Amino acid sequence: MSELRWLDVLAQLYPDAACELNHQSPFELLISVILSAQTTDKAVNLVTPALFQLAPTPFAMATAPIEDLEDALKQLGLFRTKAKNIKATAQLIVEQFDGQVPRTRKQLMTLPGVGRKTANVVLSVAFDIPAVPVDTHVERIAKRLGLAKEADSVVAVEKKLQRKIPRDLWNVSHHQMIHFGRYFCTAQNPHCNACLLTNECKYFRKLQQNKRKIRP
């Protein structure tokens, strides 16, 4: 494929792609991304208004009764674990980072419930620091388009995308990949018939090969 053709296609499809988690501060974004594990952004956006009314700052969340946090999150899966993590995260932010969300991946990943992807989202979205967060959608698109191998780990996918995408496009392109994976190139029943990237797509080629095999 042309080195950046796929990026051009995604940019045409989703020129305004952005984070879909509602937030008003780096702290709200951090908490929302922690809560988004194994659930949808839409589900998180339904519970965070009440949560942030109860605990709008790291100090407020650090000192809030765990039962109140659990009650605010009870619509989410794993809500007890998530309540525990966000309270502990808020406590560490207050105690170790002067109440401010840290701005490095290493520091962010010391917080409970924060892995590499979450840290990268915060760096990219909250602080506009170039990063390539790899969620399930980004990983799927990268592997279908042959930008990474099927056996590659999430970290390997991230590193390969960093090499293939110009650094100044990291932040916007990862949102475009998420939108493409979430709404178009879905895990099940992707819209291949309307896709402009079928020539580059390993998944589509495999579908075509399987169809040829079952023809009488």
N, C-alpha and C. Protein backbone atom coordinates (compact mmCIF):
# COMPACT_ATOMS: atom_id res chain seq x y z
N MET A 1 0.84 -1.18 0.00
CA MET A 1 0.00 0.00 0.00
C MET A 1 0.88 1.23 0.00
N SER A 2 0.35 2.31 -0.56
CA SER A 2 1.04 3.58 -0.42
C SER A 2 1.25 3.83 1.07
N GLU A 3 2.44 4.34 1.41
CA GLU A 3 2.87 4.39 2.81
C GLU A 3 1.82 4.99 3.75
N LEU A 4 1.15 6.06 3.32
CA LEU A 4 0.20 6.74 4.19
C LEU A 4 -1.21 6.78 3.61
N ARG A 5 -1.50 5.97 2.58
CA ARG A 5 -2.84 6.02 1.99
C ARG A 5 -3.92 5.71 3.00
N TRP A 6 -3.67 4.73 3.84
CA TRP A 6 -4.69 4.36 4.83
C TRP A 6 -4.99 5.52 5.78
N LEU A 7 -3.95 6.29 6.11
CA LEU A 7 -4.16 7.46 6.96
C LEU A 7 -5.01 8.51 6.25
N ASP A 8 -4.77 8.69 4.97
CA ASP A 8 -5.56 9.65 4.19
C ASP A 8 -7.03 9.24 4.16
N VAL A 9 -7.27 7.94 3.97
CA VAL A 9 -8.66 7.45 3.93
C VAL A 9 -9.34 7.68 5.27
N LEU A 10 -8.68 7.35 6.37
CA LEU A 10 -9.29 7.53 7.69
C LEU A 10 -9.52 9.01 7.98
N ALA A 11 -8.60 9.86 7.53
CA ALA A 11 -8.76 11.29 7.75
C ALA A 11 -9.96 11.83 6.98
N GLN A 12 -10.22 11.26 5.80
CA GLN A 12 -11.39 11.67 5.03
C GLN A 12 -12.67 11.20 5.70
N LEU A 13 -12.64 9.99 6.24
CA LEU A 13 -13.83 9.45 6.89
C LEU A 13 -14.15 10.14 8.21
N TYR A 14 -13.10 10.43 8.99
CA TYR A 14 -13.30 10.95 10.34
C TYR A 14 -12.40 12.16 10.59
N PRO A 15 -12.66 13.27 9.88
CA PRO A 15 -11.79 14.44 10.03
C PRO A 15 -11.86 15.07 11.42
N ASP A 16 -12.97 14.86 12.11
CA ASP A 16 -13.15 15.49 13.42
C ASP A 16 -13.09 14.48 14.56
N ALA A 17 -12.48 13.33 14.32
CA ALA A 17 -12.42 12.29 15.35
C ALA A 17 -11.72 12.82 16.60
N ALA A 18 -12.31 12.52 17.75
CA ALA A 18 -11.75 12.96 19.02
C ALA A 18 -12.19 12.00 20.11
N CYS A 19 -11.64 12.18 21.29
CA CYS A 19 -12.01 11.34 22.43
C CYS A 19 -13.49 11.48 22.72
N GLU A 20 -14.18 10.37 22.92
CA GLU A 20 -15.62 10.39 23.16
C GLU A 20 -15.98 10.27 24.64
N LEU A 21 -14.99 10.28 25.51
CA LEU A 21 -15.25 10.32 26.95
C LEU A 21 -15.44 11.77 27.36
N ASN A 22 -16.57 12.08 27.96
CA ASN A 22 -16.83 13.44 28.41
C ASN A 22 -15.95 13.78 29.61
N HIS A 23 -15.26 14.91 29.53
CA HIS A 23 -14.39 15.32 30.63
C HIS A 23 -14.12 16.81 30.53
N GLN A 24 -13.80 17.40 31.68
CA GLN A 24 -13.52 18.83 31.74
C GLN A 24 -12.13 19.14 32.27
N SER A 25 -11.37 18.10 32.60
CA SER A 25 -10.04 18.31 33.17
C SER A 25 -9.21 17.05 32.97
N PRO A 26 -7.88 17.16 33.10
CA PRO A 26 -7.06 15.95 33.03
C PRO A 26 -7.47 14.90 34.06
N PHE A 27 -7.86 15.33 35.25
CA PHE A 27 -8.28 14.38 36.28
C PHE A 27 -9.54 13.64 35.86
N GLU A 28 -10.52 14.36 35.34
CA GLU A 28 -11.75 13.71 34.89
C GLU A 28 -11.47 12.74 33.75
N LEU A 29 -10.58 13.12 32.86
CA LEU A 29 -10.23 12.21 31.77
C LEU A 29 -9.57 10.95 32.31
N LEU A 30 -8.60 11.11 33.20
CA LEU A 30 -7.91 9.97 33.77
C LEU A 30 -8.90 9.00 34.42
N ILE A 31 -9.79 9.51 35.25
CA ILE A 31 -10.77 8.66 35.92
C ILE A 31 -11.68 7.99 34.90
N SER A 32 -12.10 8.73 33.89
CA SER A 32 -13.00 8.16 32.87
C SER A 32 -12.33 7.04 32.10
N VAL A 33 -11.04 7.19 31.78
CA VAL A 33 -10.36 6.14 31.04
C VAL A 33 -10.19 4.90 31.92
N ILE A 34 -9.89 5.09 33.20
CA ILE A 34 -9.82 3.95 34.11
C ILE A 34 -11.17 3.21 34.13
N LEU A 35 -12.24 3.97 34.18
CA LEU A 35 -13.58 3.36 34.23
C LEU A 35 -13.97 2.68 32.93
N SER A 36 -13.34 3.06 31.82
CA SER A 36 -13.73 2.53 30.51
C SER A 36 -13.22 1.11 30.26
N ALA A 37 -12.41 0.58 31.16
CA ALA A 37 -11.91 -0.79 30.97
C ALA A 37 -13.07 -1.77 30.92
N GLN A 38 -13.11 -2.56 29.85
CA GLN A 38 -14.11 -3.61 29.65
C GLN A 38 -15.54 -3.07 29.63
N THR A 39 -15.68 -1.83 29.20
CA THR A 39 -17.02 -1.28 28.99
C THR A 39 -16.93 -0.21 27.91
N THR A 40 -18.04 0.42 27.59
CA THR A 40 -18.05 1.39 26.50
C THR A 40 -17.93 2.82 27.02
N ASP A 41 -17.47 3.70 26.14
CA ASP A 41 -17.42 5.12 26.50
C ASP A 41 -18.82 5.63 26.83
N LYS A 42 -19.81 5.16 26.09
CA LYS A 42 -21.18 5.59 26.33
C LYS A 42 -21.62 5.25 27.75
N ALA A 43 -21.30 4.04 28.19
CA ALA A 43 -21.68 3.63 29.55
C ALA A 43 -20.96 4.48 30.60
N VAL A 44 -19.69 4.79 30.35
CA VAL A 44 -18.93 5.63 31.28
C VAL A 44 -19.53 7.03 31.36
N ASN A 45 -19.89 7.57 30.20
CA ASN A 45 -20.46 8.92 30.17
C ASN A 45 -21.79 9.02 30.91
N LEU A 46 -22.46 7.90 31.10
CA LEU A 46 -23.73 7.91 31.84
C LEU A 46 -23.52 8.03 33.35
N VAL A 47 -22.38 7.55 33.83
CA VAL A 47 -22.16 7.55 35.29
C VAL A 47 -21.26 8.69 35.77
N THR A 48 -20.44 9.23 34.89
CA THR A 48 -19.47 10.23 35.38
C THR A 48 -20.09 11.56 35.81
N PRO A 49 -21.21 12.03 35.26
CA PRO A 49 -21.76 13.28 35.80
C PRO A 49 -22.03 13.22 37.30
N ALA A 50 -22.66 12.16 37.75
CA ALA A 50 -22.94 12.01 39.19
C ALA A 50 -21.65 11.80 39.97
N LEU A 51 -20.73 11.03 39.40
CA LEU A 51 -19.46 10.77 40.08
C LEU A 51 -18.70 12.06 40.29
N PHE A 52 -18.59 12.89 39.25
CA PHE A 52 -17.79 14.11 39.37
C PHE A 52 -18.52 15.21 40.14
N GLN A 53 -19.82 15.08 40.27
CA GLN A 53 -20.54 15.99 41.17
C GLN A 53 -20.21 15.63 42.62
N LEU A 54 -20.12 14.33 42.88
CA LEU A 54 -19.76 13.85 44.21
C LEU A 54 -18.29 14.14 44.53
N ALA A 55 -17.42 13.91 43.55
CA ALA A 55 -15.97 14.01 43.78
C ALA A 55 -15.30 14.68 42.59
N PRO A 56 -15.34 16.01 42.51
CA PRO A 56 -14.83 16.71 41.32
C PRO A 56 -13.31 16.90 41.29
N THR A 57 -12.64 16.65 42.41
CA THR A 57 -11.20 16.87 42.48
C THR A 57 -10.52 15.64 43.06
N PRO A 58 -9.21 15.52 42.88
CA PRO A 58 -8.51 14.39 43.48
C PRO A 58 -8.71 14.31 45.00
N PHE A 59 -8.67 15.45 45.68
CA PHE A 59 -8.85 15.43 47.14
C PHE A 59 -10.26 14.95 47.50
N ALA A 60 -11.26 15.44 46.78
CA ALA A 60 -12.64 15.03 47.08
C ALA A 60 -12.83 13.55 46.85
N MET A 61 -12.22 13.01 45.79
CA MET A 61 -12.36 11.58 45.51
C MET A 61 -11.55 10.76 46.51
N ALA A 62 -10.40 11.26 46.88
CA ALA A 62 -9.55 10.54 47.83
C ALA A 62 -10.22 10.40 49.19
N THR A 63 -11.02 11.37 49.56
CA THR A 63 -11.65 11.37 50.88
C THR A 63 -13.11 10.91 50.86
N ALA A 64 -13.65 10.64 49.68
CA ALA A 64 -15.05 10.20 49.58
C ALA A 64 -15.19 8.77 50.12
N PRO A 65 -16.27 8.47 50.82
CA PRO A 65 -16.51 7.10 51.29
C PRO A 65 -16.57 6.15 50.10
N ILE A 66 -15.92 5.01 50.21
CA ILE A 66 -15.89 4.05 49.11
C ILE A 66 -17.29 3.61 48.73
N GLU A 67 -18.19 3.55 49.71
CA GLU A 67 -19.58 3.15 49.42
C GLU A 67 -20.25 4.14 48.49
N ASP A 68 -19.95 5.42 48.65
CA ASP A 68 -20.55 6.43 47.77
C ASP A 68 -20.01 6.32 46.35
N LEU A 69 -18.72 6.02 46.24
CA LEU A 69 -18.13 5.84 44.91
C LEU A 69 -18.72 4.60 44.23
N GLU A 70 -18.86 3.52 44.99
CA GLU A 70 -19.46 2.30 44.44
C GLU A 70 -20.89 2.56 43.97
N ASP A 71 -21.63 3.32 44.76
CA ASP A 71 -23.02 3.61 44.39
C ASP A 71 -23.08 4.41 43.09
N ALA A 72 -22.14 5.34 42.89
CA ALA A 72 -22.12 6.13 41.66
C ALA A 72 -21.76 5.30 40.44
N LEU A 73 -21.03 4.19 40.68
CA LEU A 73 -20.53 3.38 39.56
C LEU A 73 -21.27 2.07 39.37
N LYS A 74 -22.33 1.85 40.12
CA LYS A 74 -22.95 0.52 40.15
C LYS A 74 -23.52 0.06 38.82
N GLN A 75 -23.71 0.99 37.87
CA GLN A 75 -24.19 0.60 36.54
C GLN A 75 -23.09 -0.03 35.69
N LEU A 76 -21.84 0.11 36.12
CA LEU A 76 -20.71 -0.43 35.35
C LEU A 76 -20.33 -1.81 35.86
N GLY A 77 -19.80 -2.62 34.95
CA GLY A 77 -19.21 -3.88 35.37
C GLY A 77 -17.97 -3.63 36.21
N LEU A 78 -17.68 -4.54 37.12
CA LEU A 78 -16.50 -4.44 37.98
C LEU A 78 -16.49 -3.14 38.78
N PHE A 79 -17.68 -2.65 39.16
CA PHE A 79 -17.75 -1.32 39.76
C PHE A 79 -17.03 -1.24 41.11
N ARG A 80 -17.01 -2.33 41.86
CA ARG A 80 -16.32 -2.29 43.15
C ARG A 80 -14.81 -2.14 42.97
N THR A 81 -14.26 -2.91 42.03
CA THR A 81 -12.83 -2.80 41.75
C THR A 81 -12.49 -1.42 41.20
N LYS A 82 -13.33 -0.91 40.33
CA LYS A 82 -13.08 0.40 39.75
C LYS A 82 -13.18 1.50 40.80
N ALA A 83 -14.13 1.39 41.71
CA ALA A 83 -14.26 2.37 42.79
C ALA A 83 -13.00 2.36 43.65
N LYS A 84 -12.52 1.18 43.96
CA LYS A 84 -11.30 1.04 44.75
C LYS A 84 -10.11 1.66 44.03
N ASN A 85 -10.00 1.42 42.73
CA ASN A 85 -8.88 1.95 41.96
C ASN A 85 -8.90 3.46 41.84
N ILE A 86 -10.07 4.03 41.56
CA ILE A 86 -10.10 5.49 41.39
C ILE A 86 -9.87 6.22 42.71
N LYS A 87 -10.33 5.64 43.81
CA LYS A 87 -10.06 6.24 45.12
C LYS A 87 -8.57 6.18 45.43
N ALA A 88 -7.95 5.03 45.20
CA ALA A 88 -6.52 4.88 45.45
C ALA A 88 -5.70 5.78 44.52
N THR A 89 -6.14 5.90 43.27
CA THR A 89 -5.46 6.79 42.33
C THR A 89 -5.53 8.23 42.81
N ALA A 90 -6.71 8.65 43.23
CA ALA A 90 -6.87 10.02 43.73
C ALA A 90 -5.99 10.26 44.96
N GLN A 91 -5.90 9.28 45.83
CA GLN A 91 -5.06 9.41 47.03
C GLN A 91 -3.59 9.60 46.65
N LEU A 92 -3.11 8.81 45.68
CA LEU A 92 -1.71 8.94 45.25
C LEU A 92 -1.45 10.28 44.57
N ILE A 93 -2.42 10.75 43.79
CA ILE A 93 -2.26 12.06 43.14
C ILE A 93 -2.13 13.16 44.19
N VAL A 94 -2.93 13.07 45.24
CA VAL A 94 -2.86 14.05 46.32
C VAL A 94 -1.54 13.93 47.08
N GLU A 95 -1.17 12.70 47.41
CA GLU A 95 -0.02 12.48 48.29
C GLU A 95 1.33 12.60 47.59
N GLN A 96 1.39 12.17 46.32
CA GLN A 96 2.69 12.10 45.65
C GLN A 96 2.88 13.11 44.52
N PHE A 97 1.77 13.67 44.01
CA PHE A 97 1.88 14.57 42.85
C PHE A 97 1.22 15.92 43.09
N ASP A 98 1.13 16.31 44.36
CA ASP A 98 0.60 17.63 44.72
C ASP A 98 -0.77 17.92 44.12
N GLY A 99 -1.58 16.88 43.98
CA GLY A 99 -2.94 17.06 43.50
C GLY A 99 -3.07 17.24 42.00
N GLN A 100 -1.95 17.05 41.27
CA GLN A 100 -1.97 17.23 39.82
C GLN A 100 -1.75 15.89 39.12
N VAL A 101 -2.47 15.67 38.03
CA VAL A 101 -2.28 14.45 37.24
C VAL A 101 -0.88 14.49 36.64
N PRO A 102 -0.07 13.46 36.85
CA PRO A 102 1.31 13.48 36.31
C PRO A 102 1.32 13.49 34.79
N ARG A 103 2.44 13.97 34.25
CA ARG A 103 2.56 14.17 32.80
C ARG A 103 3.57 13.24 32.14
N THR A 104 3.95 12.17 32.81
CA THR A 104 4.84 11.19 32.17
C THR A 104 4.19 9.81 32.25
N ARG A 105 4.50 8.97 31.26
CA ARG A 105 3.94 7.63 31.25
C ARG A 105 4.37 6.85 32.48
N LYS A 106 5.64 6.97 32.84
CA LYS A 106 6.16 6.23 33.99
C LYS A 106 5.41 6.59 35.26
N GLN A 107 5.18 7.87 35.49
CA GLN A 107 4.46 8.29 36.69
C GLN A 107 2.99 7.88 36.63
N LEU A 108 2.37 8.04 35.48
CA LEU A 108 0.96 7.66 35.34
C LEU A 108 0.76 6.18 35.63
N MET A 109 1.71 5.36 35.20
CA MET A 109 1.55 3.92 35.36
C MET A 109 1.81 3.44 36.79
N THR A 110 2.17 4.36 37.68
CA THR A 110 2.25 4.00 39.10
C THR A 110 0.88 4.07 39.76
N LEU A 111 -0.11 4.62 39.07
CA LEU A 111 -1.44 4.80 39.63
C LEU A 111 -2.27 3.53 39.46
N PRO A 112 -3.05 3.14 40.47
CA PRO A 112 -3.87 1.93 40.38
C PRO A 112 -4.85 1.99 39.21
N GLY A 113 -4.92 0.91 38.45
CA GLY A 113 -5.85 0.85 37.33
C GLY A 113 -5.35 1.51 36.06
N VAL A 114 -4.11 2.02 36.08
CA VAL A 114 -3.55 2.72 34.92
C VAL A 114 -2.47 1.85 34.27
N GLY A 115 -2.77 1.38 33.08
CA GLY A 115 -1.80 0.65 32.27
C GLY A 115 -1.24 1.55 31.19
N ARG A 116 -0.51 0.96 30.28
CA ARG A 116 0.16 1.73 29.23
C ARG A 116 -0.84 2.47 28.33
N LYS A 117 -1.94 1.79 27.96
CA LYS A 117 -2.91 2.43 27.09
C LYS A 117 -3.55 3.63 27.76
N THR A 118 -3.97 3.46 29.01
CA THR A 118 -4.59 4.56 29.74
C THR A 118 -3.63 5.73 29.88
N ALA A 119 -2.37 5.42 30.22
CA ALA A 119 -1.37 6.49 30.34
C ALA A 119 -1.20 7.23 29.01
N ASN A 120 -1.16 6.49 27.92
CA ASN A 120 -1.00 7.12 26.61
C ASN A 120 -2.20 7.99 26.25
N VAL A 121 -3.41 7.56 26.60
CA VAL A 121 -4.59 8.38 26.34
C VAL A 121 -4.49 9.71 27.09
N VAL A 122 -4.11 9.65 28.35
CA VAL A 122 -4.01 10.87 29.14
C VAL A 122 -2.93 11.80 28.57
N LEU A 123 -1.78 11.25 28.22
CA LEU A 123 -0.73 12.07 27.63
C LEU A 123 -1.22 12.75 26.36
N SER A 124 -1.87 11.96 25.50
CA SER A 124 -2.30 12.46 24.20
C SER A 124 -3.44 13.47 24.31
N VAL A 125 -4.49 13.08 25.03
CA VAL A 125 -5.72 13.89 25.05
C VAL A 125 -5.65 15.04 26.04
N ALA A 126 -5.16 14.76 27.24
CA ALA A 126 -5.14 15.80 28.27
C ALA A 126 -4.02 16.81 28.08
N PHE A 127 -2.85 16.32 27.62
CA PHE A 127 -1.66 17.17 27.59
C PHE A 127 -1.10 17.40 26.19
N ASP A 128 -1.75 16.82 25.17
CA ASP A 128 -1.31 16.98 23.78
C ASP A 128 0.15 16.55 23.59
N ILE A 129 0.55 15.54 24.33
CA ILE A 129 1.88 14.94 24.18
C ILE A 129 1.74 13.78 23.19
N PRO A 130 2.53 13.74 22.12
CA PRO A 130 2.36 12.69 21.11
C PRO A 130 2.43 11.28 21.72
N ALA A 131 1.42 10.49 21.43
CA ALA A 131 1.35 9.11 21.91
C ALA A 131 0.43 8.33 20.99
N VAL A 132 0.56 7.00 21.02
CA VAL A 132 -0.30 6.14 20.21
C VAL A 132 -0.94 5.10 21.13
N PRO A 133 -2.04 5.46 21.78
CA PRO A 133 -2.73 4.49 22.62
C PRO A 133 -3.30 3.36 21.76
N VAL A 134 -3.06 2.14 22.17
CA VAL A 134 -3.54 0.99 21.41
C VAL A 134 -4.63 0.28 22.20
N ASP A 135 -5.88 0.52 21.80
CA ASP A 135 -7.00 -0.22 22.39
C ASP A 135 -7.37 -1.35 21.44
N THR A 136 -8.47 -2.02 21.72
CA THR A 136 -8.85 -3.17 20.90
C THR A 136 -9.13 -2.77 19.45
N HIS A 137 -9.65 -1.56 19.24
CA HIS A 137 -9.95 -1.12 17.87
C HIS A 137 -8.66 -0.81 17.10
N VAL A 138 -7.76 -0.08 17.72
CA VAL A 138 -6.50 0.25 17.06
C VAL A 138 -5.71 -1.01 16.73
N GLU A 139 -5.69 -1.94 17.68
CA GLU A 139 -4.97 -3.20 17.44
C GLU A 139 -5.58 -3.96 16.27
N ARG A 140 -6.91 -4.04 16.23
CA ARG A 140 -7.58 -4.77 15.16
C ARG A 140 -7.30 -4.14 13.79
N ILE A 141 -7.41 -2.82 13.70
CA ILE A 141 -7.18 -2.14 12.43
C ILE A 141 -5.73 -2.31 11.98
N ALA A 142 -4.80 -2.17 12.90
CA ALA A 142 -3.38 -2.31 12.56
C ALA A 142 -3.09 -3.69 11.99
N LYS A 143 -3.68 -4.70 12.58
CA LYS A 143 -3.41 -6.07 12.13
C LYS A 143 -4.16 -6.39 10.84
N ARG A 144 -5.36 -5.88 10.68
CA ARG A 144 -6.10 -6.13 9.44
C ARG A 144 -5.43 -5.46 8.25
N LEU A 145 -4.84 -4.29 8.47
CA LEU A 145 -4.20 -3.57 7.37
C LEU A 145 -2.75 -3.97 7.17
N GLY A 146 -2.29 -4.95 7.94
CA GLY A 146 -0.92 -5.42 7.78
C GLY A 146 0.12 -4.47 8.33
N LEU A 147 -0.29 -3.56 9.19
CA LEU A 147 0.66 -2.64 9.82
C LEU A 147 1.38 -3.31 10.98
N ALA A 148 0.81 -4.41 11.44
CA ALA A 148 1.41 -5.22 12.49
C ALA A 148 1.04 -6.67 12.22
N LYS A 149 1.76 -7.59 12.86
CA LYS A 149 1.48 -9.01 12.68
C LYS A 149 0.45 -9.49 13.68
N GLU A 150 -0.25 -10.56 13.33
CA GLU A 150 -1.28 -11.11 14.21
C GLU A 150 -0.73 -11.47 15.58
N ALA A 151 0.50 -11.96 15.61
CA ALA A 151 1.09 -12.40 16.88
C ALA A 151 1.67 -11.26 17.70
N ASP A 152 1.69 -10.06 17.17
CA ASP A 152 2.30 -8.93 17.88
C ASP A 152 1.54 -8.60 19.16
N SER A 153 2.28 -8.28 20.20
CA SER A 153 1.68 -7.79 21.44
C SER A 153 1.18 -6.37 21.23
N VAL A 154 0.43 -5.89 22.21
CA VAL A 154 -0.07 -4.52 22.14
C VAL A 154 1.09 -3.53 22.08
N VAL A 155 2.12 -3.76 22.86
CA VAL A 155 3.27 -2.86 22.86
C VAL A 155 3.97 -2.91 21.50
N ALA A 156 4.08 -4.09 20.91
CA ALA A 156 4.70 -4.20 19.59
C ALA A 156 3.89 -3.45 18.54
N VAL A 157 2.56 -3.55 18.62
CA VAL A 157 1.70 -2.79 17.70
C VAL A 157 1.95 -1.30 17.86
N GLU A 158 2.01 -0.85 19.10
CA GLU A 158 2.26 0.58 19.37
C GLU A 158 3.57 1.03 18.74
N LYS A 159 4.62 0.26 18.94
CA LYS A 159 5.93 0.64 18.41
C LYS A 159 5.93 0.68 16.89
N LYS A 160 5.26 -0.28 16.27
CA LYS A 160 5.21 -0.29 14.81
C LYS A 160 4.41 0.89 14.26
N LEU A 161 3.31 1.23 14.92
CA LEU A 161 2.53 2.38 14.48
C LEU A 161 3.32 3.67 14.67
N GLN A 162 4.09 3.75 15.73
CA GLN A 162 4.92 4.94 15.93
C GLN A 162 5.93 5.11 14.80
N ARG A 163 6.43 4.00 14.29
CA ARG A 163 7.40 4.08 13.19
C ARG A 163 6.73 4.43 11.86
N LYS A 164 5.49 3.97 11.69
CA LYS A 164 4.81 4.14 10.40
C LYS A 164 4.07 5.47 10.28
N ILE A 165 3.65 6.03 11.42
CA ILE A 165 2.86 7.27 11.40
C ILE A 165 3.76 8.44 11.77
N PRO A 166 3.72 9.53 11.00
CA PRO A 166 4.50 10.72 11.39
C PRO A 166 4.12 11.16 12.81
N ARG A 167 5.11 11.55 13.59
CA ARG A 167 4.89 11.87 15.00
C ARG A 167 3.81 12.95 15.20
N ASP A 168 3.77 13.92 14.29
CA ASP A 168 2.80 14.99 14.47
C ASP A 168 1.36 14.54 14.18
N LEU A 169 1.20 13.30 13.70
CA LEU A 169 -0.14 12.76 13.45
C LEU A 169 -0.54 11.68 14.47
N TRP A 170 0.34 11.36 15.39
CA TRP A 170 0.03 10.29 16.34
C TRP A 170 -1.30 10.53 17.06
N ASN A 171 -1.47 11.73 17.60
CA ASN A 171 -2.64 11.98 18.44
C ASN A 171 -3.95 11.92 17.65
N VAL A 172 -3.98 12.54 16.49
CA VAL A 172 -5.22 12.55 15.72
C VAL A 172 -5.48 11.19 15.06
N SER A 173 -4.43 10.54 14.58
CA SER A 173 -4.62 9.29 13.84
C SER A 173 -5.15 8.17 14.73
N HIS A 174 -4.76 8.15 15.99
CA HIS A 174 -5.26 7.08 16.86
C HIS A 174 -6.75 7.24 17.09
N HIS A 175 -7.24 8.48 17.16
CA HIS A 175 -8.69 8.69 17.27
C HIS A 175 -9.39 8.25 15.99
N GLN A 176 -8.79 8.52 14.85
CA GLN A 176 -9.40 8.11 13.58
C GLN A 176 -9.43 6.59 13.46
N MET A 177 -8.39 5.92 13.95
CA MET A 177 -8.39 4.45 13.94
C MET A 177 -9.46 3.90 14.87
N ILE A 178 -9.63 4.52 16.03
CA ILE A 178 -10.67 4.09 16.96
C ILE A 178 -12.05 4.24 16.33
N HIS A 179 -12.31 5.38 15.73
CA HIS A 179 -13.62 5.59 15.10
C HIS A 179 -13.85 4.60 13.96
N PHE A 180 -12.83 4.37 13.17
CA PHE A 180 -12.93 3.42 12.07
C PHE A 180 -13.25 2.02 12.60
N GLY A 181 -12.57 1.61 13.65
CA GLY A 181 -12.80 0.30 14.23
C GLY A 181 -14.12 0.19 14.97
N ARG A 182 -14.53 1.27 15.59
CA ARG A 182 -15.76 1.26 16.39
C ARG A 182 -17.01 1.30 15.52
N TYR A 183 -16.96 2.03 14.42
CA TYR A 183 -18.17 2.28 13.63
C TYR A 183 -18.15 1.71 12.22
N PHE A 184 -17.00 1.29 11.73
CA PHE A 184 -16.93 0.84 10.33
C PHE A 184 -16.28 -0.55 10.24
N CYS A 185 -15.02 -0.63 10.60
CA CYS A 185 -14.30 -1.90 10.53
C CYS A 185 -14.45 -2.64 11.86
N THR A 186 -15.68 -3.01 12.15
CA THR A 186 -16.02 -3.60 13.44
C THR A 186 -15.48 -5.03 13.56
N ALA A 187 -15.43 -5.52 14.79
CA ALA A 187 -14.91 -6.87 15.02
C ALA A 187 -15.76 -7.90 14.30
N GLN A 188 -17.07 -7.75 14.39
CA GLN A 188 -18.00 -8.64 13.71
C GLN A 188 -18.73 -7.87 12.62
N ASN A 189 -18.86 -8.49 11.47
CA ASN A 189 -19.59 -7.91 10.34
C ASN A 189 -19.10 -6.50 9.95
N PRO A 190 -17.82 -6.34 9.66
CA PRO A 190 -17.34 -5.04 9.20
C PRO A 190 -17.92 -4.70 7.84
N HIS A 191 -17.94 -3.41 7.52
CA HIS A 191 -18.58 -2.94 6.29
C HIS A 191 -17.61 -3.00 5.11
N CYS A 192 -17.18 -4.20 4.79
CA CYS A 192 -16.16 -4.39 3.74
C CYS A 192 -16.64 -3.90 2.38
N ASN A 193 -17.92 -4.08 2.08
CA ASN A 193 -18.43 -3.72 0.75
C ASN A 193 -18.33 -2.23 0.47
N ALA A 194 -18.26 -1.41 1.52
CA ALA A 194 -18.18 0.04 1.34
C ALA A 194 -16.79 0.58 1.67
N CYS A 195 -15.84 -0.30 1.89
CA CYS A 195 -14.52 0.13 2.37
C CYS A 195 -13.58 0.47 1.22
N LEU A 196 -12.80 1.51 1.41
CA LEU A 196 -11.82 1.94 0.42
C LEU A 196 -10.46 1.29 0.63
N LEU A 197 -10.35 0.46 1.66
CA LEU A 197 -9.04 -0.13 1.99
C LEU A 197 -8.99 -1.64 1.80
N THR A 198 -9.91 -2.18 1.03
CA THR A 198 -9.94 -3.64 0.86
C THR A 198 -8.69 -4.17 0.16
N ASN A 199 -8.08 -3.36 -0.71
CA ASN A 199 -6.86 -3.82 -1.39
C ASN A 199 -5.71 -4.01 -0.41
N GLU A 200 -5.73 -3.26 0.67
CA GLU A 200 -4.68 -3.36 1.66
C GLU A 200 -5.03 -4.30 2.82
N CYS A 201 -6.26 -4.77 2.86
CA CYS A 201 -6.77 -5.45 4.05
C CYS A 201 -6.55 -6.96 4.01
N LYS A 202 -5.79 -7.46 4.97
CA LYS A 202 -5.54 -8.90 5.07
C LYS A 202 -6.82 -9.65 5.45
N TYR A 203 -7.65 -9.04 6.26
CA TYR A 203 -8.91 -9.65 6.68
C TYR A 203 -9.81 -9.86 5.46
N PHE A 204 -9.91 -8.85 4.60
CA PHE A 204 -10.76 -8.95 3.41
C PHE A 204 -10.22 -10.01 2.46
N ARG A 205 -8.93 -10.06 2.27
CA ARG A 205 -8.34 -11.07 1.39
C ARG A 205 -8.65 -12.48 1.91
N LYS A 206 -8.58 -12.65 3.20
CA LYS A 206 -8.88 -13.95 3.78
C LYS A 206 -10.34 -14.32 3.56
N LEU A 207 -11.24 -13.34 3.69
CA LEU A 207 -12.65 -13.59 3.42
C LEU A 207 -12.85 -14.06 1.98
N GLN A 208 -12.20 -13.39 1.05
CA GLN A 208 -12.33 -13.73 -0.37
C GLN A 208 -11.78 -15.13 -0.64
N GLN A 209 -10.67 -15.47 -0.02
CA GLN A 209 -10.10 -16.80 -0.20
C GLN A 209 -11.02 -17.89 0.33
N ASN A 210 -11.64 -17.60 1.48
CA ASN A 210 -12.57 -18.58 2.06
C ASN A 210 -13.80 -18.77 1.19
N LYS A 211 -14.26 -17.68 0.57
CA LYS A 211 -15.42 -17.78 -0.31
C LYS A 211 -15.09 -18.65 -1.53
N ARG A 212 -13.87 -18.47 -2.07
CA ARG A 212 -13.47 -19.26 -3.23
C ARG A 212 -13.37 -20.74 -2.88
N LYS A 213 -12.95 -21.03 -1.66
CA LYS A 213 -12.78 -22.42 -1.23
C LYS A 213 -14.12 -23.17 -1.13
N ILE A 214 -15.19 -22.42 -0.75
CA ILE A 214 -16.48 -23.12 -0.53
C ILE A 214 -17.36 -23.11 -1.79
N ARG A 215 -16.89 -22.49 -2.87
CA ARG A 215 -17.67 -22.52 -4.10
C ARG A 215 -17.64 -23.94 -4.69
N PRO A 216 -18.79 -24.40 -5.20
CA PRO A 216 -18.84 -25.76 -5.79
C PRO A 216 -18.04 -25.82 -7.08
